[in-house]
Amino acid sequence: MAETEASPFGGCLEKMKNYVRTRKGTILTAEILISFIILICYAASMYGGYTAVAICEMVFAIIFFVIFMMELDKQFLVVNWLWSDLFRAIIGAALYLITSLICVIGGGGDGARIAGGVFGLLAGVLFAYDSYTIFLDIKSNRQHTAAPTDDTV
């Protein structure tokens, strides 16, 4: 009986399952999860101000996950989604590496802050890897698209 009735979220869940299995989906899922772990660590520390980086990066990763999962990037052509995702990943890598180094170096006596810093360093590496894969995608797309030629110069 459950097989004959269509679930209202069936198509979305199926798209999510399929997208998580792709390389980009796996990277974005890992970014969301590690940002959530960092958010918990920083929230438990004595200095809660570092949670802003984790919250922002997690929200941006969720937004891009939904955009790419639902293939909205193919519908909204006004925005160059690859370049936007590249800037998001580069800024995320830089922010995580900077804040994590500050937390690890100056976090004496605050175990949650040090743990958030260590996870932040891992997140910085993950975001840098994401930047690298996006750069390779942009580079391969440029080589496959021919430049328009105009003979009436």
Protein backbone atom coordinates (compact mmCIF):
# COMPACT_ATOMS: atom_id res chain seq x y z
CA MET A 1 0.00 0.00 0.00
CA ALA A 2 2.87 2.34 0.75
CA GLU A 3 4.32 1.65 -2.67
CA THR A 4 1.19 2.79 -4.50
CA GLU A 5 0.76 6.04 -2.55
CA ALA A 6 3.10 8.84 -3.57
CA SER A 7 4.83 10.58 -0.70
CA PRO A 8 4.73 14.39 -0.88
CA PHE A 9 8.49 14.49 -0.29
CA GLY A 10 9.35 11.36 -2.28
CA GLY A 11 10.87 13.17 -5.24
CA CYS A 12 12.92 15.49 -3.05
CA LEU A 13 14.22 12.66 -0.87
CA GLU A 14 15.12 10.63 -3.94
CA LYS A 15 17.01 13.60 -5.41
CA MET A 16 18.82 14.08 -2.11
CA LYS A 17 19.84 10.41 -1.91
CA ASN A 18 21.13 10.50 -5.46
CA TYR A 19 22.93 13.82 -5.00
CA VAL A 20 24.67 12.77 -1.78
CA ARG A 21 26.22 9.89 -3.73
CA THR A 22 27.96 12.29 -6.12
CA ARG A 23 31.38 13.76 -5.38
CA LYS A 24 30.07 17.30 -4.92
CA GLY A 25 27.15 16.10 -2.80
CA THR A 26 29.47 14.17 -0.53
CA ILE A 27 31.77 17.17 -0.11
CA LEU A 28 28.88 19.54 0.70
CA THR A 29 27.39 17.02 3.14
CA ALA A 30 30.74 16.68 4.89
CA GLU A 31 31.04 20.49 5.04
CA ILE A 32 27.59 20.77 6.63
CA LEU A 33 28.33 18.06 9.19
CA ILE A 34 31.76 19.34 10.19
CA SER A 35 30.42 22.89 10.45
CA PHE A 36 27.71 21.59 12.80
CA ILE A 37 30.32 19.79 14.93
CA ILE A 38 32.43 22.96 15.08
CA LEU A 39 29.34 24.96 16.02
CA ILE A 40 28.69 22.63 18.95
CA CYS A 41 32.32 22.81 20.10
CA TYR A 42 32.49 26.59 19.94
CA ALA A 43 29.09 26.96 21.63
CA ALA A 44 30.33 24.81 24.53
CA SER A 45 33.53 26.82 24.93
CA MET A 46 33.96 29.89 27.08
CA TYR A 47 34.35 32.05 23.97
CA GLY A 48 31.16 31.63 21.93
CA GLY A 49 32.01 34.34 19.43
CA TYR A 50 33.70 31.92 17.07
CA THR A 51 30.35 30.26 16.32
CA ALA A 52 29.60 32.92 13.69
CA VAL A 53 32.02 31.38 11.18
CA ALA A 54 30.56 27.91 11.66
CA ILE A 55 26.97 29.16 11.38
CA CYS A 56 27.63 31.19 8.22
CA GLU A 57 29.56 28.43 6.46
CA MET A 58 26.98 25.80 7.41
CA VAL A 59 24.11 27.97 6.10
CA PHE A 60 25.96 28.72 2.84
CA ALA A 61 26.79 25.03 2.37
CA ILE A 62 23.12 24.10 2.94
CA ILE A 63 22.01 26.73 0.42
CA PHE A 64 24.41 25.47 -2.25
CA PHE A 65 23.50 21.85 -1.42
CA VAL A 66 19.82 22.59 -2.07
CA ILE A 67 20.57 24.61 -5.22
CA PHE A 68 22.71 21.87 -6.75
CA MET A 69 20.49 19.03 -5.51
CA MET A 70 17.32 20.52 -6.99
CA GLU A 71 19.28 21.56 -10.12
CA LEU A 72 18.26 25.17 -9.65
CA ASP A 73 21.65 26.20 -11.02
CA LYS A 74 20.40 25.14 -14.47
CA GLN A 75 17.22 27.23 -14.10
CA PHE A 76 18.66 30.46 -12.67
CA LEU A 77 21.29 31.34 -15.23
CA VAL A 78 21.72 34.92 -13.99
CA VAL A 79 24.19 33.73 -11.37
CA ASN A 80 27.35 31.85 -12.29
CA TRP A 81 26.95 29.15 -9.65
CA LEU A 82 30.36 27.55 -10.14
CA TRP A 83 32.18 30.81 -9.49
CA SER A 84 29.89 31.63 -6.56
CA ASP A 85 30.59 28.21 -5.07
CA LEU A 86 34.31 28.69 -5.65
CA PHE A 87 34.31 32.00 -3.75
CA ARG A 88 32.24 30.41 -0.96
CA ALA A 89 34.71 27.56 -0.60
CA ILE A 90 37.81 29.79 -0.73
CA ILE A 91 36.42 32.21 1.85
CA GLY A 92 35.31 29.28 4.03
CA ALA A 93 38.76 27.69 3.89
CA ALA A 94 40.47 30.96 4.78
CA LEU A 95 38.09 31.80 7.63
CA TYR A 96 38.24 28.33 9.13
CA LEU A 97 42.03 28.19 8.96
CA ILE A 98 42.46 31.65 10.52
CA THR A 99 39.92 31.20 13.34
CA SER A 100 41.06 27.66 14.04
CA LEU A 101 44.69 28.65 14.39
CA ILE A 102 43.65 31.43 16.78
CA CYS A 103 41.59 28.95 18.83
CA VAL A 104 44.25 26.23 18.93
CA ILE A 105 47.08 28.63 19.81
CA GLY A 106 45.21 30.68 22.41
CA GLY A 107 42.79 28.09 23.78
CA GLY A 108 44.76 26.98 26.83
CA GLY A 109 42.42 25.49 29.44
CA ASP A 110 39.36 25.50 27.19
CA GLY A 111 39.05 22.00 25.75
CA ALA A 112 35.94 22.72 23.71
CA ARG A 113 37.63 25.68 22.03
CA ILE A 114 40.69 23.58 21.18
CA ALA A 115 38.48 20.77 19.85
CA GLY A 116 36.60 23.30 17.71
CA GLY A 117 39.94 24.60 16.46
CA VAL A 118 41.13 21.14 15.50
CA PHE A 119 37.88 20.38 13.71
CA GLY A 120 38.16 23.82 12.11
CA LEU A 121 41.56 22.96 10.71
CA LEU A 122 40.05 19.82 9.21
CA ALA A 123 37.20 21.93 7.83
CA GLY A 124 39.72 24.35 6.33
CA VAL A 125 41.39 21.47 4.50
CA LEU A 126 37.98 20.16 3.36
CA PHE A 127 36.93 23.58 2.06
CA ALA A 128 40.30 23.96 0.32
CA TYR A 129 39.78 20.57 -1.35
CA ASP A 130 36.32 21.71 -2.41
CA SER A 131 37.88 24.86 -3.90
CA TYR A 132 40.36 22.73 -5.80
CA THR A 133 37.66 20.46 -7.25
CA ILE A 134 35.53 23.46 -8.25
CA PHE A 135 38.56 25.04 -9.91
CA LEU A 136 39.12 21.84 -11.90
CA ASP A 137 35.45 21.89 -12.96
CA ILE A 138 35.72 25.51 -14.09
CA LYS A 139 38.95 24.76 -15.94
CA SER A 140 37.44 21.75 -17.74
CA ASN A 141 34.30 23.71 -18.66
CA ARG A 142 36.39 26.48 -20.22
CA GLN A 143 38.30 24.02 -22.37
CA HIS A 144 35.09 22.40 -23.63
CA THR A 145 33.29 25.59 -24.60
CA ALA A 146 34.44 27.15 -27.83
CA ALA A 147 34.92 30.86 -28.02
CA PRO A 148 32.64 32.61 -30.50
CA THR A 149 34.35 33.63 -33.70
CA ASP A 150 33.27 36.65 -35.65
CA ASP A 151 34.60 37.05 -39.17
CA THR A 152 33.39 40.66 -39.49
CA VAL A 153 36.12 42.26 -37.42
